[in-house]
Structure formats: C-alpha cells, structure tokens
Amino acid sequence: MPRTKNPRSTNTATNKQVITMPEAVSTPQIRRGPGASVATPIDLDAQIRERAYALYEERGRIPGQENEDWLRAEREVRARYNPAQTA
C-alpha cells in the first residue's frame, strides 16, 4: 500500500517578520482652487505614500522605520487639509 503524503512546510527555520503599511482611512475630499469651477478630488493615499517615501530617503534609505514614516507622513498630509485638527 502506498504511503500518504505529509504536507511539508516550505518555510522552515526562518523567522521573517512582514510589515505592512497601515490602511489610510480617508474619505474623498474636494479641493477648489482660486477661481476654479470644477472640484478636484484629493488622493490622500498617494500623497501620504509619496511623503513617507521622501522621509525614508531623508533617513538615508535605511529600512526599519516604515510605520513611523507612514504615520508621520499621514499626520503631515492631513494637517495640510485640516489645520484645525493638528495636535
């Protein structure tokens, strides 16, 4: 009689930590330029992503502080559109 196959783990003896960027909970906002008759939606997620990458580059592209960069970038970008809520 043939043996049943046992599933093997392909990830043996590695202990890698996977860090994911936090989801930005943003509602679509509208920005109107001076004299503009058409509203333009703001892509907060893209702006936060760009600022977080800029912070990473400012630190010399040293990994390990992705969450801190993202949270700082999120605070900075949101403060541009909501200056009354800065703390």
N, C-alpha and C. Protein backbone atom coordinates (compact mmCIF):
# COMPACT_ATOMS: atom_id res chain seq x y z
N MET A 1 0.82 -1.18 0.00
CA MET A 1 0.00 0.00 0.00
C MET A 1 0.88 1.26 0.00
N PRO A 2 0.57 2.27 -0.85
CA PRO A 2 1.39 3.48 -0.87
C PRO A 2 1.14 4.34 0.36
N ARG A 3 2.16 5.06 0.75
CA ARG A 3 2.06 5.96 1.90
C ARG A 3 1.32 7.23 1.50
N THR A 4 0.69 7.83 2.48
CA THR A 4 0.06 9.13 2.24
C THR A 4 1.13 10.20 2.36
N LYS A 5 0.99 11.22 1.56
CA LYS A 5 1.97 12.30 1.58
C LYS A 5 1.70 13.24 2.74
N ASN A 6 2.75 13.58 3.44
CA ASN A 6 2.64 14.55 4.52
C ASN A 6 2.97 15.93 3.96
N PRO A 7 2.14 16.93 4.30
CA PRO A 7 2.47 18.28 3.82
C PRO A 7 3.72 18.79 4.51
N ARG A 8 4.57 19.40 3.74
CA ARG A 8 5.81 19.95 4.28
C ARG A 8 5.77 21.46 4.22
N SER A 9 6.32 22.04 5.21
CA SER A 9 6.41 23.49 5.25
C SER A 9 7.60 23.93 4.41
N THR A 10 7.37 24.85 3.49
CA THR A 10 8.47 25.34 2.65
C THR A 10 9.26 26.42 3.36
N ASN A 11 8.76 26.89 4.49
CA ASN A 11 9.41 27.99 5.19
C ASN A 11 9.96 27.48 6.52
N THR A 12 10.93 26.59 6.46
CA THR A 12 11.47 26.03 7.69
C THR A 12 12.65 26.85 8.19
N ALA A 13 12.74 26.99 9.46
CA ALA A 13 13.85 27.65 10.15
C ALA A 13 14.04 29.11 9.74
N THR A 14 13.00 29.77 9.28
CA THR A 14 13.11 31.20 9.02
C THR A 14 12.08 31.92 9.87
N ASN A 15 12.47 33.02 10.37
CA ASN A 15 11.60 33.80 11.24
C ASN A 15 11.55 35.23 10.69
N LYS A 16 10.93 35.39 9.54
CA LYS A 16 10.87 36.70 8.92
C LYS A 16 9.60 37.41 9.36
N GLN A 17 9.77 38.66 9.66
CA GLN A 17 8.63 39.48 10.06
C GLN A 17 8.21 40.30 8.85
N VAL A 18 6.92 40.26 8.54
CA VAL A 18 6.39 41.02 7.42
C VAL A 18 5.65 42.22 7.97
N ILE A 19 6.06 43.39 7.53
CA ILE A 19 5.43 44.62 7.98
C ILE A 19 4.63 45.19 6.83
N THR A 20 3.38 45.48 7.09
CA THR A 20 2.55 46.08 6.06
C THR A 20 2.22 47.51 6.46
N MET A 21 2.03 48.33 5.47
CA MET A 21 1.68 49.72 5.73
C MET A 21 0.23 49.78 6.22
N PRO A 22 -0.06 50.62 7.18
CA PRO A 22 -1.43 50.72 7.67
C PRO A 22 -2.33 51.29 6.59
N GLU A 23 -3.55 50.85 6.60
CA GLU A 23 -4.54 51.35 5.65
C GLU A 23 -4.92 52.77 6.03
N ALA A 24 -4.91 53.63 5.06
CA ALA A 24 -5.33 55.01 5.31
C ALA A 24 -6.85 55.05 5.17
N VAL A 25 -7.50 55.48 6.21
CA VAL A 25 -8.94 55.58 6.17
C VAL A 25 -9.28 57.01 5.76
N SER A 26 -9.48 57.16 4.49
CA SER A 26 -9.72 58.51 4.02
C SER A 26 -11.04 58.58 3.25
N THR A 27 -11.72 59.65 3.45
CA THR A 27 -12.93 59.90 2.69
C THR A 27 -12.57 60.86 1.57
N PRO A 28 -13.17 60.69 0.42
CA PRO A 28 -12.84 61.60 -0.67
C PRO A 28 -13.17 63.04 -0.28
N GLN A 29 -12.21 63.90 -0.46
CA GLN A 29 -12.40 65.30 -0.15
C GLN A 29 -12.30 66.09 -1.45
N ILE A 30 -12.86 67.26 -1.45
CA ILE A 30 -12.86 68.09 -2.64
C ILE A 30 -12.06 69.35 -2.37
N ARG A 31 -11.22 69.70 -3.31
CA ARG A 31 -10.43 70.92 -3.19
C ARG A 31 -10.76 71.81 -4.39
N ARG A 32 -11.00 73.06 -4.12
CA ARG A 32 -11.26 74.02 -5.19
C ARG A 32 -10.15 75.06 -5.19
N GLY A 33 -9.57 75.24 -6.34
CA GLY A 33 -8.54 76.26 -6.49
C GLY A 33 -9.20 77.62 -6.63
N PRO A 34 -8.43 78.67 -6.51
CA PRO A 34 -8.99 80.02 -6.66
C PRO A 34 -9.57 80.19 -8.06
N GLY A 35 -10.83 80.54 -8.12
CA GLY A 35 -11.49 80.77 -9.39
C GLY A 35 -11.85 79.49 -10.14
N ALA A 36 -11.65 78.34 -9.53
CA ALA A 36 -11.95 77.08 -10.22
C ALA A 36 -13.43 76.76 -10.10
N SER A 37 -13.99 76.32 -11.19
CA SER A 37 -15.40 75.97 -11.17
C SER A 37 -15.60 74.46 -11.04
N VAL A 38 -14.54 73.69 -11.28
CA VAL A 38 -14.63 72.24 -11.18
C VAL A 38 -13.83 71.77 -9.97
N ALA A 39 -14.42 70.93 -9.15
CA ALA A 39 -13.74 70.41 -7.96
C ALA A 39 -12.82 69.26 -8.36
N THR A 40 -11.68 69.16 -7.69
CA THR A 40 -10.71 68.09 -7.95
C THR A 40 -10.61 67.23 -6.70
N PRO A 41 -10.83 65.91 -6.83
CA PRO A 41 -10.69 65.05 -5.66
C PRO A 41 -9.23 64.97 -5.22
N ILE A 42 -9.02 64.87 -3.93
CA ILE A 42 -7.67 64.78 -3.37
C ILE A 42 -7.36 63.30 -3.14
N ASP A 43 -6.23 62.85 -3.62
CA ASP A 43 -5.80 61.48 -3.40
C ASP A 43 -4.85 61.47 -2.20
N LEU A 44 -5.42 61.42 -1.01
CA LEU A 44 -4.62 61.46 0.21
C LEU A 44 -3.65 60.29 0.30
N ASP A 45 -4.11 59.12 -0.11
CA ASP A 45 -3.27 57.93 -0.01
C ASP A 45 -1.99 58.09 -0.82
N ALA A 46 -2.11 58.61 -2.03
CA ALA A 46 -0.92 58.81 -2.87
C ALA A 46 0.01 59.86 -2.27
N GLN A 47 -0.55 60.92 -1.72
CA GLN A 47 0.28 61.97 -1.12
C GLN A 47 0.99 61.45 0.12
N ILE A 48 0.30 60.65 0.92
CA ILE A 48 0.91 60.06 2.12
C ILE A 48 2.04 59.11 1.71
N ARG A 49 1.79 58.30 0.70
CA ARG A 49 2.79 57.36 0.21
C ARG A 49 4.04 58.10 -0.27
N GLU A 50 3.84 59.18 -1.03
CA GLU A 50 4.98 59.95 -1.54
C GLU A 50 5.76 60.60 -0.40
N ARG A 51 5.04 61.14 0.59
CA ARG A 51 5.73 61.79 1.72
C ARG A 51 6.49 60.76 2.56
N ALA A 52 5.88 59.58 2.78
CA ALA A 52 6.54 58.53 3.55
C ALA A 52 7.82 58.09 2.84
N TYR A 53 7.78 58.01 1.52
CA TYR A 53 8.98 57.63 0.77
C TYR A 53 10.05 58.72 0.88
N ALA A 54 9.62 59.97 0.84
CA ALA A 54 10.57 61.08 0.99
C ALA A 54 11.24 61.03 2.36
N LEU A 55 10.48 60.72 3.40
CA LEU A 55 11.06 60.59 4.74
C LEU A 55 12.08 59.45 4.79
N TYR A 56 11.75 58.34 4.13
CA TYR A 56 12.66 57.19 4.04
C TYR A 56 13.97 57.60 3.37
N GLU A 57 13.85 58.37 2.28
CA GLU A 57 15.05 58.82 1.59
C GLU A 57 15.86 59.80 2.45
N GLU A 58 15.16 60.67 3.18
CA GLU A 58 15.84 61.63 4.05
C GLU A 58 16.66 60.92 5.13
N ARG A 59 16.19 59.75 5.55
CA ARG A 59 16.91 58.97 6.57
C ARG A 59 18.04 58.15 5.97
N GLY A 60 18.30 58.30 4.69
CA GLY A 60 19.39 57.57 4.06
C GLY A 60 18.99 56.19 3.56
N ARG A 61 17.71 55.99 3.32
CA ARG A 61 17.16 54.71 2.81
C ARG A 61 17.49 53.53 3.72
N ILE A 62 17.50 53.77 5.00
CA ILE A 62 17.76 52.71 5.98
C ILE A 62 16.41 52.12 6.39
N PRO A 63 16.21 50.81 6.15
CA PRO A 63 14.92 50.20 6.48
C PRO A 63 14.73 50.04 7.99
N GLY A 64 13.47 49.83 8.39
CA GLY A 64 13.19 49.54 9.79
C GLY A 64 12.27 50.52 10.46
N GLN A 65 11.97 51.64 9.81
CA GLN A 65 11.09 52.63 10.43
C GLN A 65 9.93 52.96 9.51
N GLU A 66 9.44 51.97 8.77
CA GLU A 66 8.39 52.18 7.80
C GLU A 66 7.10 52.70 8.44
N ASN A 67 6.73 52.09 9.56
CA ASN A 67 5.50 52.52 10.22
C ASN A 67 5.60 53.96 10.73
N GLU A 68 6.74 54.30 11.30
CA GLU A 68 6.92 55.67 11.80
C GLU A 68 6.87 56.67 10.65
N ASP A 69 7.53 56.33 9.52
CA ASP A 69 7.50 57.21 8.35
C ASP A 69 6.07 57.40 7.86
N TRP A 70 5.32 56.30 7.78
CA TRP A 70 3.95 56.36 7.27
C TRP A 70 3.07 57.22 8.19
N LEU A 71 3.18 57.01 9.49
CA LEU A 71 2.34 57.75 10.43
C LEU A 71 2.69 59.24 10.43
N ARG A 72 3.99 59.55 10.35
CA ARG A 72 4.40 60.96 10.29
C ARG A 72 3.90 61.60 9.00
N ALA A 73 4.04 60.88 7.89
CA ALA A 73 3.57 61.40 6.60
C ALA A 73 2.06 61.62 6.62
N GLU A 74 1.34 60.69 7.23
CA GLU A 74 -0.12 60.82 7.32
C GLU A 74 -0.50 62.06 8.12
N ARG A 75 0.18 62.29 9.25
CA ARG A 75 -0.10 63.49 10.05
C ARG A 75 0.18 64.76 9.25
N GLU A 76 1.32 64.79 8.56
CA GLU A 76 1.70 65.99 7.80
C GLU A 76 0.71 66.28 6.67
N VAL A 77 0.35 65.25 5.91
CA VAL A 77 -0.55 65.46 4.77
C VAL A 77 -1.94 65.86 5.25
N ARG A 78 -2.43 65.19 6.27
CA ARG A 78 -3.77 65.54 6.77
C ARG A 78 -3.79 66.95 7.36
N ALA A 79 -2.68 67.38 7.96
CA ALA A 79 -2.61 68.72 8.53
C ALA A 79 -2.70 69.80 7.45
N ARG A 80 -2.25 69.48 6.24
CA ARG A 80 -2.35 70.44 5.13
C ARG A 80 -3.81 70.77 4.81
N TYR A 81 -4.69 69.77 4.92
CA TYR A 81 -6.08 69.95 4.54
C TYR A 81 -7.00 70.21 5.73
N ASN A 82 -6.51 69.97 6.93
CA ASN A 82 -7.30 70.15 8.15
C ASN A 82 -6.44 70.79 9.23
N PRO A 83 -5.98 72.03 9.05
CA PRO A 83 -5.06 72.61 10.01
C PRO A 83 -5.64 72.76 11.41
N ALA A 84 -6.95 72.79 11.55
CA ALA A 84 -7.58 72.96 12.86
C ALA A 84 -7.44 71.71 13.72
N GLN A 85 -7.18 70.54 13.10
CA GLN A 85 -7.11 69.29 13.85
C GLN A 85 -5.69 68.87 14.20
N THR A 86 -4.71 69.73 14.03
CA THR A 86 -3.35 69.37 14.39
C THR A 86 -3.19 69.40 15.91
N ALA A 87 -2.49 68.44 16.42
CA ALA A 87 -2.31 68.38 17.88
C ALA A 87 -0.87 68.20 18.22
